[in-house]
Amino acid sequence: MPLRKILIADDHSLFRKGVSNLLKNEWPQIEIIEAANGFDTITQVKHHKPDVVLIDHSMPDLNGYEASQQLLKNHTNLKIIMLTGYDTMVVALNFLKIGGRGFSKRWC
């Protein structure tokens, strides 16, 4: 199934815009949705039903792990990939245990 919608969840707007531009340059037909915190991520997933969520671990109000945990309870097939500056095995393993699909250390 081709990707149609990607949600980028990060509290840094410059990072969101940069990733969005990279994705749009490679796949111009993809719709990009943005969220600035965990609560906004949950709302955007319910409203837009993205194919993939790229989420930061450290966000205000509700962090990426907690938001992912809530999302995966109700959207078991949702593909969530965590992009984060936290490069610890504990964070990665906990995320994968709740159903996360991938984990990568953020490059900036």
Protein backbone atom coordinates (compact mmCIF):
# COMPACT_ATOMS: atom_id res chain seq x y z
CA MET A 1 0.00 0.00 0.00
CA PRO A 2 1.54 3.34 -1.02
CA LEU A 3 2.06 6.06 1.55
CA ARG A 4 -0.44 8.88 1.26
CA LYS A 5 -0.18 10.71 4.59
CA ILE A 6 2.67 11.18 7.04
CA LEU A 7 2.35 12.95 10.38
CA ILE A 8 5.48 14.62 11.75
CA ALA A 9 5.26 15.21 15.51
CA ASP A 10 8.00 17.35 17.04
CA ASP A 11 7.97 20.44 19.22
CA HIS A 12 10.64 22.13 17.08
CA SER A 13 8.96 23.73 14.06
CA LEU A 14 12.25 24.03 12.17
CA PHE A 15 12.77 20.27 12.43
CA ARG A 16 9.18 19.56 11.31
CA LYS A 17 9.52 21.88 8.31
CA GLY A 18 12.89 20.39 7.36
CA VAL A 19 11.64 16.81 7.42
CA SER A 20 8.48 17.87 5.62
CA ASN A 21 10.50 19.52 2.83
CA LEU A 22 12.74 16.46 2.47
CA LEU A 23 9.74 14.16 2.17
CA LYS A 24 7.87 16.45 -0.25
CA ASN A 25 10.95 16.73 -2.48
CA GLU A 26 11.16 12.95 -2.71
CA TRP A 27 7.41 12.20 -2.83
CA PRO A 28 5.47 15.32 -3.92
CA GLN A 29 2.11 13.52 -3.78
CA ILE A 30 2.34 12.79 -0.04
CA GLU A 31 0.23 14.85 2.36
CA ILE A 32 2.23 16.01 5.37
CA ILE A 33 0.48 16.71 8.66
CA GLU A 34 2.29 18.34 11.58
CA ALA A 35 1.87 18.23 15.35
CA ALA A 36 3.80 20.15 18.02
CA ASN A 37 3.08 17.99 21.10
CA GLY A 38 1.64 14.66 22.16
CA PHE A 39 -1.95 15.86 22.58
CA ASP A 40 -1.89 17.50 19.15
CA THR A 41 -0.48 14.27 17.70
CA ILE A 42 -3.41 12.25 19.05
CA THR A 43 -5.90 14.78 17.64
CA GLN A 44 -4.21 14.84 14.23
CA VAL A 45 -4.12 11.02 14.01
CA LYS A 46 -7.85 10.83 14.77
CA HIS A 47 -8.67 13.55 12.24
CA HIS A 48 -6.28 12.71 9.36
CA LYS A 49 -5.63 8.96 9.78
CA PRO A 50 -2.00 9.04 8.58
CA ASP A 51 -0.22 5.96 7.23
CA VAL A 52 2.92 6.70 9.26
CA VAL A 53 3.75 8.87 12.27
CA LEU A 54 7.29 10.17 12.80
CA ILE A 55 7.39 11.22 16.44
CA ASP A 56 9.90 12.84 18.77
CA HIS A 57 10.30 11.40 22.24
CA SER A 58 10.71 14.66 24.11
CA MET A 59 7.74 17.00 23.60
CA PRO A 60 5.84 19.24 26.02
CA ASP A 61 2.54 18.33 27.68
CA LEU A 62 2.56 14.67 26.57
CA ASN A 63 5.80 13.12 25.35
CA GLY A 64 6.11 10.99 22.24
CA TYR A 65 6.28 7.70 24.15
CA GLU A 66 3.09 8.46 26.09
CA ALA A 67 1.28 9.68 22.97
CA SER A 68 2.37 6.57 21.07
CA GLN A 69 1.19 4.35 23.91
CA GLN A 70 -2.27 5.95 23.80
CA LEU A 71 -2.46 5.85 20.00
CA LEU A 72 -1.46 2.21 19.72
CA LYS A 73 -4.20 1.14 22.14
CA ASN A 74 -6.87 2.36 19.69
CA HIS A 75 -4.98 2.16 16.38
CA THR A 76 -3.12 -1.15 16.60
CA ASN A 77 -2.07 -1.07 12.92
CA LEU A 78 -0.68 2.47 13.07
CA LYS A 79 2.99 2.64 12.07
CA ILE A 80 4.92 4.91 14.44
CA ILE A 81 8.63 5.58 14.14
CA MET A 82 10.40 7.47 16.91
CA LEU A 83 13.07 9.96 15.88
CA THR A 84 14.84 11.25 18.95
CA GLY A 85 18.01 12.60 20.43
CA TYR A 86 17.70 10.04 23.23
CA ASP A 87 20.08 7.29 22.21
CA THR A 88 19.43 4.77 24.95
CA MET A 89 18.55 1.13 24.66
CA VAL A 90 15.89 1.50 27.39
CA VAL A 91 13.97 4.18 25.46
CA ALA A 92 14.19 2.18 22.22
CA LEU A 93 13.15 -1.14 23.77
CA ASN A 94 10.26 0.38 25.71
CA PHE A 95 9.00 2.04 22.54
CA LEU A 96 9.24 -1.17 20.54
CA LYS A 97 7.51 -3.14 23.32
CA ILE A 98 4.38 -0.99 23.06
CA GLY A 99 4.16 -1.57 19.30
CA GLY A 100 6.40 1.11 17.83
CA ARG A 101 7.69 0.15 14.39
CA GLY A 102 11.11 1.78 14.44
CA PHE A 103 13.53 3.91 16.42
CA SER A 104 16.24 6.20 15.16
CA LYS A 105 18.57 8.70 16.76
CA ARG A 106 17.71 12.13 15.39
CA TRP A 107 20.50 13.63 13.30
CA CYS A 108 20.12 17.15 14.71
